[in-house]
Amino acid sequence: MRAAFLADCRRVHRTETLPMLQLLKLIVASPGLKALLGYRLGRHLLLLQTQRRLPLLQPFGWLLYRLISGYVRLALDIRLDLSADIGAGLYIGHFGNIVVRHCKLGTHCSIAQSVHIEPDDAEDPTTGPTIGERVWIGGHAKIIGTYQIGDRSTVGAGAVVKRDIPSGALFMGSPGRVVMSDYDNSDIL
């Protein structure tokens, strides 16, 4: 949990070293980091539960998780469900109407406001999209279903994903389509 959360913080702060006071200021200032703090804590508690470690401390941990995630859901409208497998270094640039559940996100991805990444409940409510590493997902994008998004791909703002996206592609539109095959998204990440 600690290493993944520090990677999340480094994406926001854009530096390798992060003093404790700076880290606390960063968490207070960043809605995305507040959401990720709650998510990482919840995933760590699930791991401790399956390993049957620290059973006496878990109720306090779950209480803290409920407080953080409740605040994040009500005040910031960010829902990072514990069913999602989120890689280290996620950057959430904005808050509001973000839903991430039953999916897999690779490392160093970026998502904007009003993004939905979740399964299609009509098909299979437990299996969602698989998103590769270094993927940028623009505001109001919808990835709903069991789609595969390749590494270093870019999903444009407002795009609706209805098919798999190859690595390094620029995907735009509603319904979406690949508009460029060798797109370099390193500048926007």
N, C-alpha and C. Protein backbone atom coordinates (compact mmCIF):
# COMPACT_ATOMS: atom_id res chain seq x y z
N MET A 1 0.83 -1.19 0.00
CA MET A 1 0.00 0.00 0.00
C MET A 1 0.87 1.25 0.00
N ARG A 2 1.87 1.26 0.85
CA ARG A 2 2.71 2.46 1.00
C ARG A 2 3.42 2.83 -0.30
N ALA A 3 4.03 1.84 -0.95
CA ALA A 3 4.77 2.12 -2.18
C ALA A 3 3.84 2.62 -3.29
N ALA A 4 2.66 2.01 -3.40
CA ALA A 4 1.71 2.43 -4.44
C ALA A 4 1.21 3.84 -4.16
N PHE A 5 0.91 4.15 -2.90
CA PHE A 5 0.43 5.49 -2.58
C PHE A 5 1.51 6.53 -2.79
N LEU A 6 2.75 6.21 -2.44
CA LEU A 6 3.85 7.16 -2.69
C LEU A 6 4.04 7.39 -4.18
N ALA A 7 3.85 6.35 -4.99
CA ALA A 7 3.91 6.53 -6.45
C ALA A 7 2.78 7.45 -6.92
N ASP A 8 1.59 7.31 -6.33
CA ASP A 8 0.47 8.21 -6.65
C ASP A 8 0.85 9.65 -6.31
N CYS A 9 1.45 9.83 -5.14
CA CYS A 9 1.85 11.18 -4.70
C CYS A 9 2.92 11.77 -5.62
N ARG A 10 3.85 10.94 -6.05
CA ARG A 10 4.91 11.43 -6.95
C ARG A 10 4.34 11.89 -8.29
N ARG A 11 3.26 11.26 -8.74
CA ARG A 11 2.62 11.70 -9.99
C ARG A 11 2.05 13.10 -9.84
N VAL A 12 1.53 13.41 -8.65
CA VAL A 12 0.96 14.74 -8.42
C VAL A 12 2.06 15.76 -8.20
N HIS A 13 3.05 15.41 -7.40
CA HIS A 13 4.11 16.35 -7.03
C HIS A 13 5.21 16.44 -8.08
N ARG A 14 5.36 15.41 -8.90
CA ARG A 14 6.34 15.35 -9.98
C ARG A 14 7.79 15.42 -9.48
N THR A 15 8.07 14.72 -8.38
CA THR A 15 9.42 14.64 -7.86
C THR A 15 9.60 13.30 -7.15
N GLU A 16 10.84 12.87 -7.00
CA GLU A 16 11.12 11.60 -6.33
C GLU A 16 11.10 11.72 -4.82
N THR A 17 11.63 12.82 -4.28
CA THR A 17 11.67 12.99 -2.83
C THR A 17 10.45 13.79 -2.38
N LEU A 18 9.88 13.38 -1.28
CA LEU A 18 8.67 14.02 -0.78
C LEU A 18 8.70 14.04 0.75
N PRO A 19 9.09 15.18 1.36
CA PRO A 19 9.10 15.26 2.83
C PRO A 19 7.70 15.08 3.40
N MET A 20 7.61 14.64 4.65
CA MET A 20 6.32 14.32 5.27
C MET A 20 5.37 15.51 5.30
N LEU A 21 5.85 16.69 5.63
CA LEU A 21 4.99 17.87 5.66
C LEU A 21 4.45 18.18 4.26
N GLN A 22 5.31 18.07 3.28
CA GLN A 22 4.90 18.29 1.88
C GLN A 22 3.85 17.26 1.47
N LEU A 23 4.03 16.01 1.90
CA LEU A 23 3.09 14.94 1.59
C LEU A 23 1.72 15.25 2.18
N LEU A 24 1.67 15.70 3.43
CA LEU A 24 0.40 16.03 4.06
C LEU A 24 -0.30 17.19 3.35
N LYS A 25 0.47 18.21 2.98
CA LYS A 25 -0.10 19.34 2.24
C LYS A 25 -0.67 18.89 0.89
N LEU A 26 0.05 17.97 0.26
CA LEU A 26 -0.38 17.44 -1.04
C LEU A 26 -1.70 16.68 -0.91
N ILE A 27 -1.83 15.87 0.12
CA ILE A 27 -3.06 15.10 0.34
C ILE A 27 -4.24 16.04 0.60
N VAL A 28 -4.01 17.07 1.41
CA VAL A 28 -5.07 18.03 1.72
C VAL A 28 -5.51 18.78 0.46
N ALA A 29 -4.56 19.11 -0.42
CA ALA A 29 -4.85 19.92 -1.60
C ALA A 29 -5.40 19.12 -2.78
N SER A 30 -5.16 17.83 -2.83
CA SER A 30 -5.51 17.04 -4.01
C SER A 30 -6.70 16.11 -3.76
N PRO A 31 -7.82 16.35 -4.44
CA PRO A 31 -8.97 15.44 -4.28
C PRO A 31 -8.64 14.01 -4.72
N GLY A 32 -7.86 13.88 -5.77
CA GLY A 32 -7.50 12.55 -6.26
C GLY A 32 -6.69 11.76 -5.24
N LEU A 33 -5.77 12.43 -4.55
CA LEU A 33 -4.97 11.74 -3.54
C LEU A 33 -5.80 11.34 -2.33
N LYS A 34 -6.79 12.14 -1.97
CA LYS A 34 -7.68 11.74 -0.88
C LYS A 34 -8.40 10.45 -1.24
N ALA A 35 -8.90 10.38 -2.47
CA ALA A 35 -9.60 9.17 -2.92
C ALA A 35 -8.65 7.98 -2.96
N LEU A 36 -7.44 8.19 -3.45
CA LEU A 36 -6.47 7.10 -3.53
C LEU A 36 -6.00 6.65 -2.15
N LEU A 37 -5.91 7.57 -1.20
CA LEU A 37 -5.54 7.20 0.16
C LEU A 37 -6.58 6.23 0.74
N GLY A 38 -7.85 6.56 0.57
CA GLY A 38 -8.91 5.66 1.04
C GLY A 38 -8.88 4.33 0.32
N TYR A 39 -8.73 4.36 -1.00
CA TYR A 39 -8.69 3.13 -1.78
C TYR A 39 -7.52 2.24 -1.36
N ARG A 40 -6.32 2.81 -1.28
CA ARG A 40 -5.13 2.03 -0.91
C ARG A 40 -5.27 1.45 0.50
N LEU A 41 -5.85 2.21 1.43
CA LEU A 41 -6.07 1.71 2.77
C LEU A 41 -7.04 0.53 2.74
N GLY A 42 -8.14 0.66 2.01
CA GLY A 42 -9.12 -0.42 1.91
C GLY A 42 -8.54 -1.68 1.31
N ARG A 43 -7.74 -1.53 0.25
CA ARG A 43 -7.12 -2.71 -0.38
C ARG A 43 -6.13 -3.36 0.58
N HIS A 44 -5.40 -2.56 1.35
CA HIS A 44 -4.46 -3.10 2.32
C HIS A 44 -5.21 -3.86 3.43
N LEU A 45 -6.33 -3.33 3.86
CA LEU A 45 -7.13 -4.00 4.88
C LEU A 45 -7.68 -5.32 4.36
N LEU A 46 -8.09 -5.36 3.09
CA LEU A 46 -8.54 -6.62 2.50
C LEU A 46 -7.42 -7.66 2.49
N LEU A 47 -6.21 -7.22 2.17
CA LEU A 47 -5.06 -8.12 2.18
C LEU A 47 -4.79 -8.65 3.59
N LEU A 48 -4.83 -7.76 4.58
CA LEU A 48 -4.63 -8.19 5.97
C LEU A 48 -5.71 -9.17 6.40
N GLN A 49 -6.92 -8.96 5.92
CA GLN A 49 -8.03 -9.84 6.27
C GLN A 49 -7.83 -11.24 5.70
N THR A 50 -7.40 -11.33 4.45
CA THR A 50 -7.18 -12.64 3.84
C THR A 50 -5.98 -13.35 4.45
N GLN A 51 -4.99 -12.59 4.90
CA GLN A 51 -3.81 -13.18 5.54
C GLN A 51 -4.02 -13.41 7.03
N ARG A 52 -5.16 -12.98 7.55
CA ARG A 52 -5.48 -13.11 8.98
C ARG A 52 -4.40 -12.47 9.86
N ARG A 53 -3.98 -11.27 9.47
CA ARG A 53 -2.97 -10.53 10.23
C ARG A 53 -3.60 -9.32 10.90
N LEU A 54 -3.11 -8.98 12.07
CA LEU A 54 -3.54 -7.81 12.85
C LEU A 54 -5.07 -7.73 13.02
N PRO A 55 -5.71 -8.79 13.48
CA PRO A 55 -7.18 -8.77 13.59
C PRO A 55 -7.71 -7.73 14.58
N LEU A 56 -6.93 -7.38 15.60
CA LEU A 56 -7.41 -6.41 16.57
C LEU A 56 -7.37 -4.98 16.05
N LEU A 57 -6.50 -4.69 15.11
CA LEU A 57 -6.40 -3.35 14.55
C LEU A 57 -7.33 -3.12 13.36
N GLN A 58 -7.81 -4.20 12.76
CA GLN A 58 -8.63 -4.07 11.56
C GLN A 58 -9.92 -3.25 11.76
N PRO A 59 -10.64 -3.40 12.88
CA PRO A 59 -11.84 -2.56 13.04
C PRO A 59 -11.55 -1.07 12.99
N PHE A 60 -10.42 -0.65 13.56
CA PHE A 60 -10.05 0.76 13.52
C PHE A 60 -9.67 1.18 12.09
N GLY A 61 -8.98 0.27 11.39
CA GLY A 61 -8.63 0.54 9.99
C GLY A 61 -9.86 0.67 9.12
N TRP A 62 -10.83 -0.23 9.31
CA TRP A 62 -12.06 -0.17 8.51
C TRP A 62 -12.87 1.08 8.83
N LEU A 63 -12.85 1.49 10.09
CA LEU A 63 -13.53 2.73 10.46
C LEU A 63 -12.89 3.92 9.75
N LEU A 64 -11.56 3.98 9.76
CA LEU A 64 -10.86 5.05 9.06
C LEU A 64 -11.15 5.00 7.56
N TYR A 65 -11.15 3.79 6.99
CA TYR A 65 -11.48 3.65 5.56
C TYR A 65 -12.88 4.18 5.28
N ARG A 66 -13.86 3.81 6.10
CA ARG A 66 -15.24 4.26 5.89
C ARG A 66 -15.34 5.79 5.98
N LEU A 67 -14.62 6.38 6.90
CA LEU A 67 -14.64 7.85 7.02
C LEU A 67 -14.05 8.52 5.79
N ILE A 68 -12.89 8.03 5.34
CA ILE A 68 -12.23 8.64 4.18
C ILE A 68 -13.06 8.42 2.93
N SER A 69 -13.48 7.17 2.68
CA SER A 69 -14.22 6.88 1.44
C SER A 69 -15.60 7.55 1.46
N GLY A 70 -16.22 7.65 2.63
CA GLY A 70 -17.51 8.34 2.71
C GLY A 70 -17.38 9.82 2.37
N TYR A 71 -16.33 10.45 2.91
CA TYR A 71 -16.07 11.85 2.58
C TYR A 71 -15.81 12.02 1.08
N VAL A 72 -14.98 11.14 0.54
CA VAL A 72 -14.62 11.24 -0.88
C VAL A 72 -15.84 11.05 -1.76
N ARG A 73 -16.71 10.12 -1.41
CA ARG A 73 -17.92 9.89 -2.21
C ARG A 73 -18.90 11.06 -2.12
N LEU A 74 -19.12 11.55 -0.89
CA LEU A 74 -20.11 12.62 -0.72
C LEU A 74 -19.61 13.99 -1.16
N ALA A 75 -18.40 14.34 -0.77
CA ALA A 75 -17.89 15.69 -1.04
C ALA A 75 -17.24 15.82 -2.41
N LEU A 76 -16.57 14.77 -2.87
CA LEU A 76 -15.80 14.86 -4.11
C LEU A 76 -16.41 14.05 -5.26
N ASP A 77 -17.36 13.19 -4.95
CA ASP A 77 -18.03 12.33 -5.93
C ASP A 77 -17.03 11.48 -6.73
N ILE A 78 -16.12 10.86 -5.99
CA ILE A 78 -15.16 9.92 -6.58
C ILE A 78 -15.41 8.56 -5.94
N ARG A 79 -15.66 7.56 -6.78
CA ARG A 79 -15.94 6.21 -6.29
C ARG A 79 -14.90 5.24 -6.83
N LEU A 80 -13.90 4.94 -6.00
CA LEU A 80 -12.89 3.95 -6.34
C LEU A 80 -13.24 2.69 -5.56
N ASP A 81 -13.95 1.79 -6.19
CA ASP A 81 -14.42 0.58 -5.53
C ASP A 81 -13.25 -0.35 -5.24
N LEU A 82 -13.31 -1.06 -4.13
CA LEU A 82 -12.24 -1.99 -3.78
C LEU A 82 -12.17 -3.18 -4.72
N SER A 83 -13.19 -3.38 -5.56
CA SER A 83 -13.16 -4.45 -6.56
C SER A 83 -12.22 -4.11 -7.71
N ALA A 84 -11.83 -2.85 -7.85
CA ALA A 84 -10.91 -2.43 -8.91
C ALA A 84 -9.48 -2.74 -8.49
N ASP A 85 -8.67 -3.14 -9.46
CA ASP A 85 -7.24 -3.39 -9.24
C ASP A 85 -6.49 -2.24 -9.90
N ILE A 86 -6.10 -1.26 -9.08
CA ILE A 86 -5.48 -0.03 -9.60
C ILE A 86 -3.99 -0.08 -9.37
N GLY A 87 -3.22 0.05 -10.46
CA GLY A 87 -1.77 0.05 -10.37
C GLY A 87 -1.24 1.31 -9.73
N ALA A 88 0.02 1.26 -9.34
CA ALA A 88 0.67 2.39 -8.68
C ALA A 88 0.80 3.58 -9.63
N GLY A 89 0.78 4.77 -9.07
CA GLY A 89 1.03 5.98 -9.85
C GLY A 89 -0.19 6.50 -10.60
N LEU A 90 -1.40 6.21 -10.12
CA LEU A 90 -2.60 6.75 -10.77
C LEU A 90 -2.70 8.24 -10.47
N TYR A 91 -3.06 9.02 -11.49
CA TYR A 91 -3.27 10.46 -11.32
C TYR A 91 -4.72 10.76 -11.63
N ILE A 92 -5.42 11.31 -10.65
CA ILE A 92 -6.81 11.76 -10.84
C ILE A 92 -6.76 13.28 -10.84
N GLY A 93 -6.92 13.87 -12.01
CA GLY A 93 -6.73 15.30 -12.17
C GLY A 93 -7.84 16.18 -11.64
N HIS A 94 -9.06 15.67 -11.62
CA HIS A 94 -10.21 16.47 -11.20
C HIS A 94 -11.14 15.59 -10.38
N PHE A 95 -12.10 16.20 -9.73
CA PHE A 95 -13.07 15.42 -8.98
C PHE A 95 -14.43 15.55 -9.65
N GLY A 96 -15.34 14.69 -9.27
CA GLY A 96 -16.71 14.77 -9.75
C GLY A 96 -17.09 13.66 -10.70
N ASN A 97 -18.06 12.85 -10.29
CA ASN A 97 -18.68 11.81 -11.11
C ASN A 97 -17.65 10.82 -11.67
N ILE A 98 -16.72 10.37 -10.85
CA ILE A 98 -15.73 9.37 -11.26
C ILE A 98 -16.12 8.03 -10.64
N VAL A 99 -16.25 7.02 -11.49
CA VAL A 99 -16.60 5.67 -11.03
C VAL A 99 -15.58 4.70 -11.61
N VAL A 100 -14.91 3.95 -10.72
CA VAL A 100 -13.94 2.93 -11.13
C VAL A 100 -14.26 1.69 -10.32
N ARG A 101 -14.74 0.63 -11.00
CA ARG A 101 -15.08 -0.59 -10.28
C ARG A 101 -14.94 -1.82 -11.17
N HIS A 102 -14.62 -2.95 -10.56
CA HIS A 102 -14.48 -4.25 -11.23
C HIS A 102 -13.66 -4.13 -12.52
N CYS A 103 -12.49 -3.51 -12.42
CA CYS A 103 -11.63 -3.34 -13.58
C CYS A 103 -10.18 -3.46 -13.15
N LYS A 104 -9.29 -3.40 -14.12
CA LYS A 104 -7.86 -3.43 -13.84
C LYS A 104 -7.22 -2.25 -14.56
N LEU A 105 -6.52 -1.40 -13.80
CA LEU A 105 -5.78 -0.27 -14.36
C LEU A 105 -4.30 -0.52 -14.16
N GLY A 106 -3.52 -0.32 -15.21
CA GLY A 106 -2.08 -0.48 -15.11
C GLY A 106 -1.44 0.68 -14.38
N THR A 107 -0.12 0.67 -14.33
CA THR A 107 0.61 1.71 -13.61
C THR A 107 0.66 3.01 -14.41
N HIS A 108 0.76 4.10 -13.69
CA HIS A 108 0.95 5.45 -14.23
C HIS A 108 -0.12 5.88 -15.23
N CYS A 109 -1.37 5.54 -14.92
CA CYS A 109 -2.49 6.00 -15.74
C CYS A 109 -2.99 7.35 -15.21
N SER A 110 -3.75 8.05 -16.04
CA SER A 110 -4.34 9.33 -15.65
C SER A 110 -5.81 9.32 -16.05
N ILE A 111 -6.67 9.78 -15.14
CA ILE A 111 -8.08 9.91 -15.47
C ILE A 111 -8.56 11.30 -15.08
N ALA A 112 -9.52 11.79 -15.82
CA ALA A 112 -10.08 13.13 -15.59
C ALA A 112 -11.47 13.01 -14.97
N GLN A 113 -12.19 14.12 -14.90
CA GLN A 113 -13.51 14.15 -14.28
C GLN A 113 -14.55 13.41 -15.12
N SER A 114 -15.59 12.93 -14.43
CA SER A 114 -16.75 12.27 -15.05
C SER A 114 -16.36 11.05 -15.88
N VAL A 115 -15.35 10.33 -15.45
CA VAL A 115 -14.93 9.11 -16.15
C VAL A 115 -15.59 7.91 -15.48
N HIS A 116 -16.14 7.03 -16.30
CA HIS A 116 -16.72 5.78 -15.80
C HIS A 116 -15.95 4.62 -16.40
N ILE A 117 -15.36 3.80 -15.52
CA ILE A 117 -14.65 2.58 -15.92
C ILE A 117 -15.26 1.46 -15.11
N GLU A 118 -16.10 0.68 -15.75
CA GLU A 118 -16.85 -0.34 -15.01
C GLU A 118 -17.39 -1.41 -15.96
N PRO A 119 -17.87 -2.52 -15.38
CA PRO A 119 -18.43 -3.56 -16.24
C PRO A 119 -19.80 -3.16 -16.77
N ASP A 120 -20.20 -3.86 -17.81
CA ASP A 120 -21.56 -3.71 -18.33
C ASP A 120 -22.43 -4.64 -17.50
N ASP A 121 -23.26 -4.08 -16.64
CA ASP A 121 -24.05 -4.90 -15.72
C ASP A 121 -25.01 -5.85 -16.44
N ALA A 122 -25.39 -5.52 -17.66
CA ALA A 122 -26.28 -6.40 -18.42
C ALA A 122 -25.55 -7.66 -18.90
N GLU A 123 -24.25 -7.55 -19.16
CA GLU A 123 -23.47 -8.71 -19.62
C GLU A 123 -22.91 -9.50 -18.45
N ASP A 124 -21.94 -8.91 -17.74
CA ASP A 124 -21.30 -9.56 -16.60
C ASP A 124 -20.95 -8.48 -15.59
N PRO A 125 -21.68 -8.41 -14.48
CA PRO A 125 -21.45 -7.32 -13.52
C PRO A 125 -20.16 -7.44 -12.70
N THR A 126 -19.38 -8.50 -12.92
CA THR A 126 -18.15 -8.66 -12.12
C THR A 126 -16.88 -8.54 -12.94
N THR A 127 -16.97 -8.42 -14.26
CA THR A 127 -15.78 -8.33 -15.09
C THR A 127 -15.84 -7.06 -15.93
N GLY A 128 -14.89 -6.17 -15.67
CA GLY A 128 -14.86 -4.90 -16.37
C GLY A 128 -13.66 -4.77 -17.28
N PRO A 129 -13.35 -3.57 -17.68
CA PRO A 129 -12.25 -3.31 -18.61
C PRO A 129 -10.87 -3.62 -18.02
N THR A 130 -9.94 -3.90 -18.89
CA THR A 130 -8.53 -4.04 -18.53
C THR A 130 -7.78 -2.94 -19.24
N ILE A 131 -7.17 -2.07 -18.48
CA ILE A 131 -6.50 -0.89 -19.02
C ILE A 131 -5.01 -1.04 -18.78
N GLY A 132 -4.22 -0.86 -19.83
CA GLY A 132 -2.78 -1.03 -19.76
C GLY A 132 -2.08 0.08 -19.00
N GLU A 133 -0.77 0.10 -19.12
CA GLU A 133 0.05 1.09 -18.43
C GLU A 133 0.13 2.39 -19.22
N ARG A 134 0.26 3.49 -18.48
CA ARG A 134 0.44 4.83 -19.06
C ARG A 134 -0.69 5.21 -20.02
N VAL A 135 -1.91 4.93 -19.62
CA VAL A 135 -3.09 5.28 -20.43
C VAL A 135 -3.68 6.57 -19.87
N TRP A 136 -4.00 7.49 -20.77
CA TRP A 136 -4.64 8.75 -20.38
C TRP A 136 -6.10 8.68 -20.81
N ILE A 137 -7.00 8.95 -19.87
CA ILE A 137 -8.44 8.90 -20.14
C ILE A 137 -9.02 10.27 -19.87
N GLY A 138 -9.54 10.90 -20.91
CA GLY A 138 -10.05 12.26 -20.83
C GLY A 138 -11.40 12.35 -20.15
N GLY A 139 -11.78 13.56 -19.81
CA GLY A 139 -13.03 13.83 -19.11
C GLY A 139 -14.26 13.31 -19.85
N HIS A 140 -15.21 12.81 -19.09
CA HIS A 140 -16.50 12.33 -19.59
C HIS A 140 -16.39 11.08 -20.46
N ALA A 141 -15.25 10.41 -20.43
CA ALA A 141 -15.09 9.17 -21.20
C ALA A 141 -15.81 8.03 -20.48
N LYS A 142 -16.35 7.10 -21.26
CA LYS A 142 -17.07 5.95 -20.72
C LYS A 142 -16.43 4.68 -21.27
N ILE A 143 -15.92 3.85 -20.36
CA ILE A 143 -15.37 2.54 -20.73
C ILE A 143 -16.18 1.53 -19.93
N ILE A 144 -17.24 1.04 -20.53
CA ILE A 144 -18.17 0.16 -19.83
C ILE A 144 -18.27 -1.15 -20.61
N GLY A 145 -17.73 -2.20 -20.03
CA GLY A 145 -17.71 -3.52 -20.67
C GLY A 145 -16.36 -4.18 -20.45
N THR A 146 -16.15 -5.30 -21.11
CA THR A 146 -14.92 -6.09 -20.91
C THR A 146 -13.87 -5.75 -21.97
N TYR A 147 -13.65 -4.51 -22.22
CA TYR A 147 -12.73 -4.08 -23.27
C TYR A 147 -11.29 -4.04 -22.78
N GLN A 148 -10.38 -4.20 -23.72
CA GLN A 148 -8.94 -4.15 -23.44
C GLN A 148 -8.40 -2.83 -24.01
N ILE A 149 -7.74 -2.05 -23.18
CA ILE A 149 -7.14 -0.79 -23.60
C ILE A 149 -5.63 -0.99 -23.52
N GLY A 150 -4.94 -0.88 -24.65
CA GLY A 150 -3.51 -1.14 -24.71
C GLY A 150 -2.66 -0.09 -24.01
N ASP A 151 -1.43 -0.46 -23.71
CA ASP A 151 -0.47 0.45 -23.06
C ASP A 151 -0.29 1.72 -23.89
N ARG A 152 -0.07 2.83 -23.20
CA ARG A 152 0.23 4.13 -23.80
C ARG A 152 -0.87 4.64 -24.74
N SER A 153 -2.08 4.16 -24.57
CA SER A 153 -3.20 4.65 -25.38
C SER A 153 -3.79 5.90 -24.76
N THR A 154 -4.54 6.63 -25.56
CA THR A 154 -5.21 7.84 -25.12
C THR A 154 -6.68 7.74 -25.49
N VAL A 155 -7.54 7.88 -24.51
CA VAL A 155 -8.99 7.89 -24.74
C VAL A 155 -9.42 9.35 -24.60
N GLY A 156 -9.85 9.93 -25.69
CA GLY A 156 -10.18 11.35 -25.71
C GLY A 156 -11.38 11.70 -24.86
N ALA A 157 -11.50 12.97 -24.55
CA ALA A 157 -12.62 13.47 -23.75
C ALA A 157 -13.94 13.15 -24.43
N GLY A 158 -14.88 12.63 -23.67
CA GLY A 158 -16.21 12.32 -24.18
C GLY A 158 -16.30 11.05 -25.00
N ALA A 159 -15.21 10.31 -25.13
CA ALA A 159 -15.22 9.10 -25.93
C ALA A 159 -16.04 8.00 -25.25
N VAL A 160 -16.73 7.21 -26.06
CA VAL A 160 -17.47 6.06 -25.58
C VAL A 160 -16.82 4.83 -26.20
N VAL A 161 -16.21 4.01 -25.35
CA VAL A 161 -15.47 2.84 -25.82
C VAL A 161 -16.43 1.68 -26.02
N LYS A 162 -16.47 1.15 -27.24
CA LYS A 162 -17.31 0.01 -27.57
C LYS A 162 -16.50 -1.09 -28.25
N ARG A 163 -15.17 -1.00 -28.18
CA ARG A 163 -14.29 -2.01 -28.76
C ARG A 163 -12.93 -1.92 -28.09
N ASP A 164 -12.09 -2.94 -28.31
CA ASP A 164 -10.73 -2.93 -27.77
C ASP A 164 -9.91 -1.83 -28.46
N ILE A 165 -8.93 -1.31 -27.72
CA ILE A 165 -8.07 -0.25 -28.25
C ILE A 165 -6.64 -0.77 -28.24
N PRO A 166 -5.94 -0.72 -29.39
CA PRO A 166 -4.55 -1.20 -29.42
C PRO A 166 -3.60 -0.26 -28.69
N SER A 167 -2.42 -0.73 -28.39
CA SER A 167 -1.40 0.07 -27.71
C SER A 167 -1.01 1.28 -28.53
N GLY A 168 -0.79 2.40 -27.87
CA GLY A 168 -0.31 3.62 -28.51
C GLY A 168 -1.31 4.31 -29.40
N ALA A 169 -2.59 4.00 -29.28
CA ALA A 169 -3.61 4.58 -30.15
C ALA A 169 -4.26 5.80 -29.52
N LEU A 170 -4.72 6.71 -30.38
CA LEU A 170 -5.55 7.83 -29.96
C LEU A 170 -6.97 7.46 -30.35
N PHE A 171 -7.84 7.37 -29.35
CA PHE A 171 -9.21 6.90 -29.53
C PHE A 171 -10.15 8.03 -29.18
N MET A 172 -11.05 8.41 -30.10
CA MET A 172 -11.93 9.55 -29.87
C MET A 172 -13.31 9.28 -30.44
N GLY A 173 -14.29 10.01 -29.94
CA GLY A 173 -15.62 10.01 -30.51
C GLY A 173 -16.64 9.20 -29.73
N SER A 174 -17.89 9.34 -30.17
CA SER A 174 -19.00 8.61 -29.58
C SER A 174 -19.95 8.19 -30.68
N PRO A 175 -19.95 6.97 -31.13
CA PRO A 175 -19.11 5.87 -30.68
C PRO A 175 -17.66 6.09 -31.11
N GLY A 176 -16.75 5.64 -30.27
CA GLY A 176 -15.34 5.92 -30.48
C GLY A 176 -14.70 5.10 -31.57
N ARG A 177 -13.59 5.64 -32.07
CA ARG A 177 -12.78 4.94 -33.09
C ARG A 177 -11.34 5.40 -32.95
N VAL A 178 -10.43 4.59 -33.46
CA VAL A 178 -9.02 4.94 -33.44
C VAL A 178 -8.78 5.97 -34.54
N VAL A 179 -8.27 7.15 -34.17
CA VAL A 179 -8.02 8.19 -35.16
C VAL A 179 -6.53 8.33 -35.48
N MET A 180 -5.68 7.74 -34.61
CA MET A 180 -4.25 7.76 -34.87
C MET A 180 -3.64 6.51 -34.22
N SER A 181 -2.78 5.81 -34.96
CA SER A 181 -2.24 4.55 -34.45
C SER A 181 -0.99 4.72 -33.59
N ASP A 182 -0.09 5.59 -33.96
CA ASP A 182 1.15 5.78 -33.22
C ASP A 182 1.14 7.12 -32.50
N TYR A 183 0.26 7.26 -31.54
CA TYR A 183 0.12 8.52 -30.82
C TYR A 183 0.98 8.47 -29.56
N ASP A 184 1.77 9.51 -29.33
CA ASP A 184 2.64 9.60 -28.16
C ASP A 184 1.94 10.47 -27.11
N ASN A 185 1.47 9.84 -26.02
CA ASN A 185 0.76 10.58 -24.99
C ASN A 185 1.65 11.02 -23.82
N SER A 186 2.95 10.93 -23.98
CA SER A 186 3.86 11.24 -22.86
C SER A 186 3.78 12.72 -22.44
N ASP A 187 3.43 13.62 -23.34
CA ASP A 187 3.33 15.03 -22.97
C ASP A 187 2.14 15.29 -22.06
N ILE A 188 1.02 14.60 -22.27
CA ILE A 188 -0.16 14.85 -21.46
C ILE A 188 -0.16 14.02 -20.17
N LEU A 189 0.66 12.98 -20.13
CA LEU A 189 0.74 12.19 -18.88
C LEU A 189 1.52 12.96 -17.86
